[in-house]
PDB file of N, CA and C in Angstrom:
ATOM      1  N   MET A   1      32.685 -29.109 -11.913  1.00  0.00           N
ATOM      2  CA  MET A   1      32.211 -29.449 -10.587  1.00  0.00           C
ATOM      3  C   MET A   1      31.451 -28.238 -10.026  1.00  0.00           C
ATOM      4  N   PRO A   2      30.318 -28.449  -9.368  1.00  0.00           N
ATOM      5  CA  PRO A   2      29.544 -27.323  -8.841  1.00  0.00           C
ATOM      6  C   PRO A   2      30.282 -26.589  -7.714  1.00  0.00           C
ATOM      7  N   LEU A   3      29.900 -25.343  -7.518  1.00  0.00           N
ATOM      8  CA  LEU A   3      30.574 -24.486  -6.539  1.00  0.00           C
ATOM      9  C   LEU A   3      30.494 -25.055  -5.124  1.00  0.00           C
ATOM     10  N   GLN A   4      29.355 -25.587  -4.726  1.00  0.00           N
ATOM     11  CA  GLN A   4      29.209 -26.089  -3.359  1.00  0.00           C
ATOM     12  C   GLN A   4      30.090 -27.303  -3.082  1.00  0.00           C
ATOM     13  N   ARG A   5      30.551 -27.994  -4.095  1.00  0.00           N
ATOM     14  CA  ARG A   5      31.470 -29.114  -3.892  1.00  0.00           C
ATOM     15  C   ARG A   5      32.926 -28.671  -3.978  1.00  0.00           C
ATOM     16  N   ARG A   6      33.194 -27.540  -4.616  1.00  0.00           N
ATOM     17  CA  ARG A   6      34.565 -27.042  -4.731  1.00  0.00           C
ATOM     18  C   ARG A   6      35.038 -26.352  -3.460  1.00  0.00           C
ATOM     19  N   LEU A   7      34.120 -25.743  -2.740  1.00  0.00           N
ATOM     20  CA  LEU A   7      34.495 -25.006  -1.529  1.00  0.00           C
ATOM     21  C   LEU A   7      34.629 -25.958  -0.343  1.00  0.00           C
ATOM     22  N   PRO A   8      35.564 -25.686   0.567  1.00  0.00           N
ATOM     23  CA  PRO A   8      35.733 -26.570   1.733  1.00  0.00           C
ATOM     24  C   PRO A   8      34.601 -26.389   2.733  1.00  0.00           C
ATOM     25  N   LYS A   9      34.387 -27.426   3.522  1.00  0.00           N
ATOM     26  CA  LYS A   9      33.362 -27.374   4.560  1.00  0.00           C
ATOM     27  C   LYS A   9      33.965 -26.754   5.820  1.00  0.00           C
ATOM     28  N   PHE A  10      33.148 -26.051   6.565  1.00  0.00           N
ATOM     29  CA  PHE A  10      33.559 -25.473   7.828  1.00  0.00           C
ATOM     30  C   PHE A  10      32.599 -25.928   8.908  1.00  0.00           C
ATOM     31  N   GLY A  11      33.065 -25.938  10.158  1.00  0.00           N
ATOM     32  CA  GLY A  11      32.263 -26.410  11.275  1.00  0.00           C
ATOM     33  C   GLY A  11      31.219 -25.403  11.724  1.00  0.00           C
ATOM     34  N   PHE A  12      30.432 -25.841  12.678  1.00  0.00           N
ATOM     35  CA  PHE A  12      29.359 -25.038  13.238  1.00  0.00           C
ATOM     36  C   PHE A  12      29.914 -24.172  14.361  1.00  0.00           C
ATOM     37  N   LYS A  13      29.530 -22.902  14.409  1.00  0.00           N
ATOM     38  CA  LYS A  13      29.929 -22.001  15.486  1.00  0.00           C
ATOM     39  C   LYS A  13      28.666 -21.496  16.171  1.00  0.00           C
ATOM     40  N   ASN A  14      28.501 -21.869  17.423  1.00  0.00           N
ATOM     41  CA  ASN A  14      27.328 -21.490  18.184  1.00  0.00           C
ATOM     42  C   ASN A  14      27.437 -20.020  18.599  1.00  0.00           C
ATOM     43  N   ILE A  15      26.482 -19.198  18.177  1.00  0.00           N
ATOM     44  CA  ILE A  15      26.520 -17.771  18.503  1.00  0.00           C
ATOM     45  C   ILE A  15      26.074 -17.489  19.929  1.00  0.00           C
ATOM     46  N   ASN A  16      25.465 -18.465  20.592  1.00  0.00           N
ATOM     47  CA  ASN A  16      24.987 -18.273  21.960  1.00  0.00           C
ATOM     48  C   ASN A  16      25.945 -18.812  23.010  1.00  0.00           C
ATOM     49  N   ARG A  17      27.122 -19.277  22.598  1.00  0.00           N
ATOM     50  CA  ARG A  17      28.089 -19.849  23.532  1.00  0.00           C
ATOM     51  C   ARG A  17      28.635 -18.777  24.472  1.00  0.00           C
ATOM     52  N   VAL A  18      28.788 -19.134  25.732  1.00  0.00           N
ATOM     53  CA  VAL A  18      29.337 -18.230  26.730  1.00  0.00           C
ATOM     54  C   VAL A  18      30.774 -18.659  27.002  1.00  0.00           C
ATOM     55  N   GLU A  19      31.729 -17.769  26.770  1.00  0.00           N
ATOM     56  CA  GLU A  19      33.146 -18.049  26.975  1.00  0.00           C
ATOM     57  C   GLU A  19      33.573 -17.592  28.365  1.00  0.00           C
ATOM     58  N   TYR A  20      34.139 -18.508  29.139  1.00  0.00           N
ATOM     59  CA  TYR A  20      34.645 -18.198  30.473  1.00  0.00           C
ATOM     60  C   TYR A  20      36.159 -18.213  30.470  1.00  0.00           C
ATOM     61  N   LYS A  21      36.750 -17.401  31.319  1.00  0.00           N
ATOM     62  CA  LYS A  21      38.195 -17.436  31.562  1.00  0.00           C
ATOM     63  C   LYS A  21      38.398 -18.358  32.755  1.00  0.00           C
ATOM     64  N   GLY A  22      39.090 -19.457  32.555  1.00  0.00           N
ATOM     65  CA  GLY A  22      39.285 -20.447  33.616  1.00  0.00           C
ATOM     66  C   GLY A  22      40.429 -20.066  34.540  1.00  0.00           C
ATOM     67  N   ILE A  23      40.156 -20.050  35.835  1.00  0.00           N
ATOM     68  CA  ILE A  23      41.157 -19.766  36.867  1.00  0.00           C
ATOM     69  C   ILE A  23      41.158 -20.961  37.817  1.00  0.00           C
ATOM     70  N   ASN A  24      42.324 -21.570  38.029  1.00  0.00           N
ATOM     71  CA  ASN A  24      42.413 -22.738  38.898  1.00  0.00           C
ATOM     72  C   ASN A  24      42.656 -22.349  40.352  1.00  0.00           C
ATOM     73  N   LEU A  25      42.388 -23.317  41.240  1.00  0.00           N
ATOM     74  CA  LEU A  25      42.520 -23.062  42.672  1.00  0.00           C
ATOM     75  C   LEU A  25      43.962 -22.791  43.080  1.00  0.00           C
ATOM     76  N   ASP A  26      44.936 -23.401  42.391  1.00  0.00           N
ATOM     77  CA  ASP A  26      46.322 -23.143  42.773  1.00  0.00           C
ATOM     78  C   ASP A  26      46.722 -21.695  42.509  1.00  0.00           C
ATOM     79  N   LEU A  27      46.189 -21.090  41.455  1.00  0.00           N
ATOM     80  CA  LEU A  27      46.442 -19.683  41.187  1.00  0.00           C
ATOM     81  C   LEU A  27      45.751 -18.792  42.224  1.00  0.00           C
ATOM     82  N   ILE A  28      44.551 -19.186  42.638  1.00  0.00           N
ATOM     83  CA  ILE A  28      43.828 -18.454  43.693  1.00  0.00           C
ATOM     84  C   ILE A  28      44.643 -18.481  44.984  1.00  0.00           C
ATOM     85  N   GLN A  29      45.205 -19.653  45.319  1.00  0.00           N
ATOM     86  CA  GLN A  29      45.983 -19.784  46.550  1.00  0.00           C
ATOM     87  C   GLN A  29      47.255 -18.936  46.515  1.00  0.00           C
ATOM     88  N   THR A  30      47.974 -18.960  45.391  1.00  0.00           N
ATOM     89  CA  THR A  30      49.198 -18.154  45.303  1.00  0.00           C
ATOM     90  C   THR A  30      48.889 -16.667  45.340  1.00  0.00           C
ATOM     91  N   LEU A  31      47.785 -16.267  44.713  1.00  0.00           N
ATOM     92  CA  LEU A  31      47.390 -14.859  44.734  1.00  0.00           C
ATOM     93  C   LEU A  31      47.006 -14.426  46.144  1.00  0.00           C
ATOM     94  N   ALA A  32      46.286 -15.292  46.881  1.00  0.00           N
ATOM     95  CA  ALA A  32      45.862 -14.954  48.234  1.00  0.00           C
ATOM     96  C   ALA A  32      47.052 -14.846  49.181  1.00  0.00           C
ATOM     97  N   THR A  33      48.046 -15.711  49.019  1.00  0.00           N
ATOM     98  CA  THR A  33      49.214 -15.627  49.900  1.00  0.00           C
ATOM     99  C   THR A  33      50.101 -14.442  49.534  1.00  0.00           C
ATOM    100  N   LYS A  34      50.196 -14.141  48.230  1.00  0.00           N
ATOM    101  CA  LYS A  34      51.027 -13.018  47.794  1.00  0.00           C
ATOM    102  C   LYS A  34      50.455 -11.682  48.253  1.00  0.00           C
ATOM    103  N   LEU A  35      49.134 -11.530  48.129  1.00  0.00           N
ATOM    104  CA  LEU A  35      48.492 -10.268  48.500  1.00  0.00           C
ATOM    105  C   LEU A  35      48.039 -10.235  49.953  1.00  0.00           C
ATOM    106  N   ASN A  36      48.077 -11.388  50.622  1.00  0.00           N
ATOM    107  CA  ASN A  36      47.628 -11.511  52.003  1.00  0.00           C
ATOM    108  C   ASN A  36      46.168 -11.080  52.156  1.00  0.00           C
ATOM    109  N   VAL A  37      45.302 -11.648  51.304  1.00  0.00           N
ATOM    110  CA  VAL A  37      43.868 -11.356  51.357  1.00  0.00           C
ATOM    111  C   VAL A  37      43.101 -12.658  51.554  1.00  0.00           C
ATOM    112  N   SER A  38      41.872 -12.537  52.033  1.00  0.00           N
ATOM    113  CA  SER A  38      41.019 -13.709  52.195  1.00  0.00           C
ATOM    114  C   SER A  38      39.777 -13.615  51.305  1.00  0.00           C
ATOM    115  N   GLU A  39      39.697 -12.587  50.491  1.00  0.00           N
ATOM    116  CA  GLU A  39      38.555 -12.369  49.594  1.00  0.00           C
ATOM    117  C   GLU A  39      39.082 -12.190  48.173  1.00  0.00           C
ATOM    118  N   ILE A  40      38.675 -13.092  47.266  1.00  0.00           N
ATOM    119  CA  ILE A  40      39.079 -13.007  45.863  1.00  0.00           C
ATOM    120  C   ILE A  40      37.834 -12.701  45.036  1.00  0.00           C
ATOM    121  N   THR A  41      37.861 -11.584  44.320  1.00  0.00           N
ATOM    122  CA  THR A  41      36.769 -11.177  43.450  1.00  0.00           C
ATOM    123  C   THR A  41      37.313 -10.958  42.041  1.00  0.00           C
ATOM    124  N   PRO A  42      36.453 -10.836  41.035  1.00  0.00           N
ATOM    125  CA  PRO A  42      36.952 -10.524  39.692  1.00  0.00           C
ATOM    126  C   PRO A  42      37.723  -9.206  39.624  1.00  0.00           C
ATOM    127  N   GLU A  43      37.398  -8.247  40.479  1.00  0.00           N
ATOM    128  CA  GLU A  43      38.122  -6.981  40.498  1.00  0.00           C
ATOM    129  C   GLU A  43      39.579  -7.178  40.930  1.00  0.00           C
ATOM    130  N   VAL A  44      39.802  -8.082  41.894  1.00  0.00           N
ATOM    131  CA  VAL A  44      41.164  -8.383  42.343  1.00  0.00           C
ATOM    132  C   VAL A  44      41.943  -9.050  41.212  1.00  0.00           C
ATOM    133  N   LEU A  45      41.287  -9.947  40.465  1.00  0.00           N
ATOM    134  CA  LEU A  45      41.944 -10.630  39.350  1.00  0.00           C
ATOM    135  C   LEU A  45      42.293  -9.652  38.236  1.00  0.00           C
ATOM    136  N   VAL A  46      41.413  -8.695  37.962  1.00  0.00           N
ATOM    137  CA  VAL A  46      41.677  -7.693  36.927  1.00  0.00           C
ATOM    138  C   VAL A  46      42.819  -6.784  37.364  1.00  0.00           C
ATOM    139  N   LYS A  47      42.817  -6.400  38.628  1.00  0.00           N
ATOM    140  CA  LYS A  47      43.848  -5.498  39.149  1.00  0.00           C
ATOM    141  C   LYS A  47      45.240  -6.126  39.064  1.00  0.00           C
ATOM    142  N   ASN A  48      45.325  -7.454  39.188  1.00  0.00           N
ATOM    143  CA  ASN A  48      46.609  -8.149  39.137  1.00  0.00           C
ATOM    144  C   ASN A  48      46.935  -8.700  37.758  1.00  0.00           C
ATOM    145  N   GLY A  49      46.128  -8.370  36.750  1.00  0.00           N
ATOM    146  CA  GLY A  49      46.427  -8.738  35.375  1.00  0.00           C
ATOM    147  C   GLY A  49      46.161 -10.181  35.010  1.00  0.00           C
ATOM    148  N   ILE A  50      45.355 -10.889  35.772  1.00  0.00           N
ATOM    149  CA  ILE A  50      45.074 -12.290  35.482  1.00  0.00           C
ATOM    150  C   ILE A  50      43.991 -12.427  34.427  1.00  0.00           C
ATOM    151  N   CYS A  51      43.017 -11.534  34.429  1.00  0.00           N
ATOM    152  CA  CYS A  51      41.968 -11.556  33.416  1.00  0.00           C
ATOM    153  C   CYS A  51      41.609 -10.117  33.035  1.00  0.00           C
ATOM    154  N   ALA A  52      40.854  -9.993  31.957  1.00  0.00           N
ATOM    155  CA  ALA A  52      40.424  -8.676  31.488  1.00  0.00           C
ATOM    156  C   ALA A  52      39.143  -8.257  32.209  1.00  0.00           C
ATOM    157  N   LYS A  53      38.805  -6.999  32.090  1.00  0.00           N
ATOM    158  CA  LYS A  53      37.646  -6.454  32.804  1.00  0.00           C
ATOM    159  C   LYS A  53      36.327  -7.081  32.340  1.00  0.00           C
ATOM    160  N   LYS A  54      36.230  -7.393  31.058  1.00  0.00           N
ATOM    161  CA  LYS A  54      34.976  -7.928  30.519  1.00  0.00           C
ATOM    162  C   LYS A  54      34.903  -9.454  30.535  1.00  0.00           C
ATOM    163  N   ASP A  55      35.966 -10.125  30.997  1.00  0.00           N
ATOM    164  CA  ASP A  55      35.965 -11.590  31.029  1.00  0.00           C
ATOM    165  C   ASP A  55      35.012 -12.119  32.087  1.00  0.00           C
ATOM    166  N   LEU A  56      34.342 -13.224  31.751  1.00  0.00           N
ATOM    167  CA  LEU A  56      33.571 -13.967  32.734  1.00  0.00           C
ATOM    168  C   LEU A  56      34.517 -14.982  33.358  1.00  0.00           C
ATOM    169  N   VAL A  57      34.572 -15.036  34.673  1.00  0.00           N
ATOM    170  CA  VAL A  57      35.551 -15.856  35.387  1.00  0.00           C
ATOM    171  C   VAL A  57      34.877 -17.120  35.897  1.00  0.00           C
ATOM    172  N   LYS A  58      35.506 -18.272  35.616  1.00  0.00           N
ATOM    173  CA  LYS A  58      35.042 -19.554  36.149  1.00  0.00           C
ATOM    174  C   LYS A  58      36.190 -20.171  36.925  1.00  0.00           C
ATOM    175  N   ILE A  59      35.918 -20.595  38.149  1.00  0.00           N
ATOM    176  CA  ILE A  59      36.935 -21.192  39.004  1.00  0.00           C
ATOM    177  C   ILE A  59      36.930 -22.697  38.762  1.00  0.00           C
ATOM    178  N   LEU A  60      38.120 -23.229  38.451  1.00  0.00           N
ATOM    179  CA  LEU A  60      38.287 -24.649  38.159  1.00  0.00           C
ATOM    180  C   LEU A  60      39.023 -25.338  39.305  1.00  0.00           C
ATOM    181  N   GLY A  61      38.966 -26.662  39.355  1.00  0.00           N
ATOM    182  CA  GLY A  61      39.377 -27.406  40.542  1.00  0.00           C
ATOM    183  C   GLY A  61      40.798 -27.897  40.626  1.00  0.00           C
ATOM    184  N   ARG A  62      41.728 -27.481  39.776  1.00  0.00           N
ATOM    185  CA  ARG A  62      43.106 -27.963  39.881  1.00  0.00           C
ATOM    186  C   ARG A  62      43.816 -27.259  41.027  1.00  0.00           C
ATOM    187  N   GLY A  63      44.449 -28.011  41.893  1.00  0.00           N
ATOM    188  CA  GLY A  63      45.164 -27.439  43.023  1.00  0.00           C
ATOM    189  C   GLY A  63      44.373 -27.560  44.310  1.00  0.00           C
ATOM    190  N   GLU A  64      44.948 -27.055  45.387  1.00  0.00           N
ATOM    191  CA  GLU A  64      44.307 -27.117  46.699  1.00  0.00           C
ATOM    192  C   GLU A  64      44.419 -25.771  47.403  1.00  0.00           C
ATOM    193  N   LEU A  65      43.507 -25.563  48.327  1.00  0.00           N
ATOM    194  CA  LEU A  65      43.541 -24.353  49.153  1.00  0.00           C
ATOM    195  C   LEU A  65      44.041 -24.732  50.537  1.00  0.00           C
ATOM    196  N   SER A  66      44.906 -23.914  51.098  1.00  0.00           N
ATOM    197  CA  SER A  66      45.448 -24.225  52.421  1.00  0.00           C
ATOM    198  C   SER A  66      44.737 -23.452  53.530  1.00  0.00           C
ATOM    199  N   GLY A  67      43.944 -22.468  53.177  1.00  0.00           N
ATOM    200  CA  GLY A  67      43.259 -21.683  54.193  1.00  0.00           C
ATOM    201  C   GLY A  67      41.883 -21.260  53.736  1.00  0.00           C
ATOM    202  N   LYS A  68      41.210 -20.524  54.597  1.00  0.00           N
ATOM    203  CA  LYS A  68      39.859 -20.050  54.306  1.00  0.00           C
ATOM    204  C   LYS A  68      39.934 -18.859  53.346  1.00  0.00           C
ATOM    205  N   ILE A  69      39.347 -19.033  52.156  1.00  0.00           N
ATOM    206  CA  ILE A  69      39.318 -17.971  51.159  1.00  0.00           C
ATOM    207  C   ILE A  69      37.895 -17.867  50.620  1.00  0.00           C
ATOM    208  N   ASN A  70      37.349 -16.662  50.643  1.00  0.00           N
ATOM    209  CA  ASN A  70      36.026 -16.408  50.074  1.00  0.00           C
ATOM    210  C   ASN A  70      36.212 -15.977  48.623  1.00  0.00           C
ATOM    211  N   VAL A  71      35.581 -16.710  47.704  1.00  0.00           N
ATOM    212  CA  VAL A  71      35.775 -16.475  46.277  1.00  0.00           C
ATOM    213  C   VAL A  71      34.444 -16.065  45.658  1.00  0.00           C
ATOM    214  N   THR A  72      34.470 -15.003  44.871  1.00  0.00           N
ATOM    215  CA  THR A  72      33.309 -14.540  44.123  1.00  0.00           C
ATOM    216  C   THR A  72      33.660 -14.598  42.643  1.00  0.00           C
ATOM    217  N   ALA A  73      32.829 -15.304  41.845  1.00  0.00           N
ATOM    218  CA  ALA A  73      33.099 -15.453  40.415  1.00  0.00           C
ATOM    219  C   ALA A  73      31.783 -15.680  39.685  1.00  0.00           C
ATOM    220  N   HIS A  74      31.880 -15.744  38.358  1.00  0.00           N
ATOM    221  CA  HIS A  74      30.693 -15.951  37.532  1.00  0.00           C
ATOM    222  C   HIS A  74      30.293 -17.415  37.430  1.00  0.00           C
ATOM    223  N   GLY A  75      31.224 -18.321  37.707  1.00  0.00           N
ATOM    224  CA  GLY A  75      30.913 -19.742  37.647  1.00  0.00           C
ATOM    225  C   GLY A  75      31.943 -20.560  38.407  1.00  0.00           C
ATOM    226  N   PHE A  76      31.543 -21.767  38.828  1.00  0.00           N
ATOM    227  CA  PHE A  76      32.410 -22.670  39.566  1.00  0.00           C
ATOM    228  C   PHE A  76      32.209 -24.081  39.036  1.00  0.00           C
ATOM    229  N   SER A  77      33.291 -24.847  38.983  1.00  0.00           N
ATOM    230  CA  SER A  77      33.136 -26.267  38.719  1.00  0.00           C
ATOM    231  C   SER A  77      32.728 -26.921  40.037  1.00  0.00           C
ATOM    232  N   ALA A  78      32.177 -28.127  39.944  1.00  0.00           N
ATOM    233  CA  ALA A  78      31.688 -28.802  41.144  1.00  0.00           C
ATOM    234  C   ALA A  78      32.835 -29.100  42.116  1.00  0.00           C
ATOM    235  N   LYS A  79      33.974 -29.538  41.593  1.00  0.00           N
ATOM    236  CA  LYS A  79      35.125 -29.860  42.444  1.00  0.00           C
ATOM    237  C   LYS A  79      35.679 -28.605  43.110  1.00  0.00           C
ATOM    238  N   ALA A  80      35.736 -27.495  42.378  1.00  0.00           N
ATOM    239  CA  ALA A  80      36.256 -26.253  42.941  1.00  0.00           C
ATOM    240  C   ALA A  80      35.353 -25.754  44.066  1.00  0.00           C
ATOM    241  N   LYS A  81      34.066 -25.805  43.850  1.00  0.00           N
ATOM    242  CA  LYS A  81      33.124 -25.343  44.873  1.00  0.00           C
ATOM    243  C   LYS A  81      33.229 -26.205  46.125  1.00  0.00           C
ATOM    244  N   ALA A  82      33.357 -27.525  45.939  1.00  0.00           N
ATOM    245  CA  ALA A  82      33.487 -28.428  47.084  1.00  0.00           C
ATOM    246  C   ALA A  82      34.790 -28.181  47.833  1.00  0.00           C
ATOM    247  N   ASP A  83      35.889 -27.958  47.128  1.00  0.00           N
ATOM    248  CA  ASP A  83      37.178 -27.717  47.775  1.00  0.00           C
ATOM    249  C   ASP A  83      37.197 -26.396  48.536  1.00  0.00           C
ATOM    250  N   ILE A  84      36.575 -25.369  47.976  1.00  0.00           N
ATOM    251  CA  ILE A  84      36.522 -24.072  48.661  1.00  0.00           C
ATOM    252  C   ILE A  84      35.718 -24.179  49.947  1.00  0.00           C
ATOM    253  N   GLU A  85      34.578 -24.865  49.892  1.00  0.00           N
ATOM    254  CA  GLU A  85      33.741 -25.007  51.082  1.00  0.00           C
ATOM    255  C   GLU A  85      34.373 -25.957  52.096  1.00  0.00           C
ATOM    256  N   LYS A  86      35.147 -26.952  51.622  1.00  0.00           N
ATOM    257  CA  LYS A  86      35.842 -27.865  52.543  1.00  0.00           C
ATOM    258  C   LYS A  86      36.920 -27.128  53.318  1.00  0.00           C
ATOM    259  N   ALA A  87      37.554 -26.132  52.666  1.00  0.00           N
ATOM    260  CA  ALA A  87      38.593 -25.357  53.340  1.00  0.00           C
ATOM    261  C   ALA A  87      38.015 -24.296  54.278  1.00  0.00           C
ATOM    262  N   GLY A  88      36.699 -24.120  54.284  1.00  0.00           N
ATOM    263  CA  GLY A  88      36.070 -23.166  55.199  1.00  0.00           C
ATOM    264  C   GLY A  88      35.660 -21.862  54.558  1.00  0.00           C
ATOM    265  N   GLY A  89      35.901 -21.709  53.257  1.00  0.00           N
ATOM    266  CA  GLY A  89      35.542 -20.477  52.562  1.00  0.00           C
ATOM    267  C   GLY A  89      34.143 -20.556  51.961  1.00  0.00           C
ATOM    268  N   THR A  90      33.789 -19.507  51.245  1.00  0.00           N
ATOM    269  CA  THR A  90      32.495 -19.485  50.571  1.00  0.00           C
ATOM    270  C   THR A  90      32.714 -19.259  49.081  1.00  0.00           C
ATOM    271  N   ALA A  91      31.854 -19.883  48.271  1.00  0.00           N
ATOM    272  CA  ALA A  91      31.887 -19.731  46.818  1.00  0.00           C
ATOM    273  C   ALA A  91      30.611 -19.016  46.410  1.00  0.00           C
ATOM    274  N   THR A  92      30.730 -17.743  46.052  1.00  0.00           N
ATOM    275  CA  THR A  92      29.584 -16.917  45.697  1.00  0.00           C
ATOM    276  C   THR A  92      29.538 -16.715  44.189  1.00  0.00           C
ATOM    277  N   THR A  93      28.393 -17.018  43.585  1.00  0.00           N
ATOM    278  CA  THR A  93      28.221 -16.856  42.144  1.00  0.00           C
ATOM    279  C   THR A  93      27.601 -15.494  41.856  1.00  0.00           C
ATOM    280  N   LEU A  94      28.173 -14.772  40.895  1.00  0.00           N
ATOM    281  CA  LEU A  94      27.631 -13.474  40.480  1.00  0.00           C
ATOM    282  C   LEU A  94      26.443 -13.662  39.575  1.00  0.00           C
TER     283      LEU A  94
END
């Protein structure tokens, strides 16, 4: 049997893919109440051990916000951005 038929097939890996670290709104809310802050940035997340310094942060929409929180991140899902703005905060993309 030829070599190309003896070896197993492997999938495609896109070298241009951008990997984000997903952070949900419920984690943002617990962090804001624990630290008593109204501004969440990637530096705050790194300082509290939630993500690494080189991670790209994307805010996802699971959970709810109870107060006005200004969030700065590399990306937002549509639901997360709508929920942040509905609560009175701002969603700033880096």
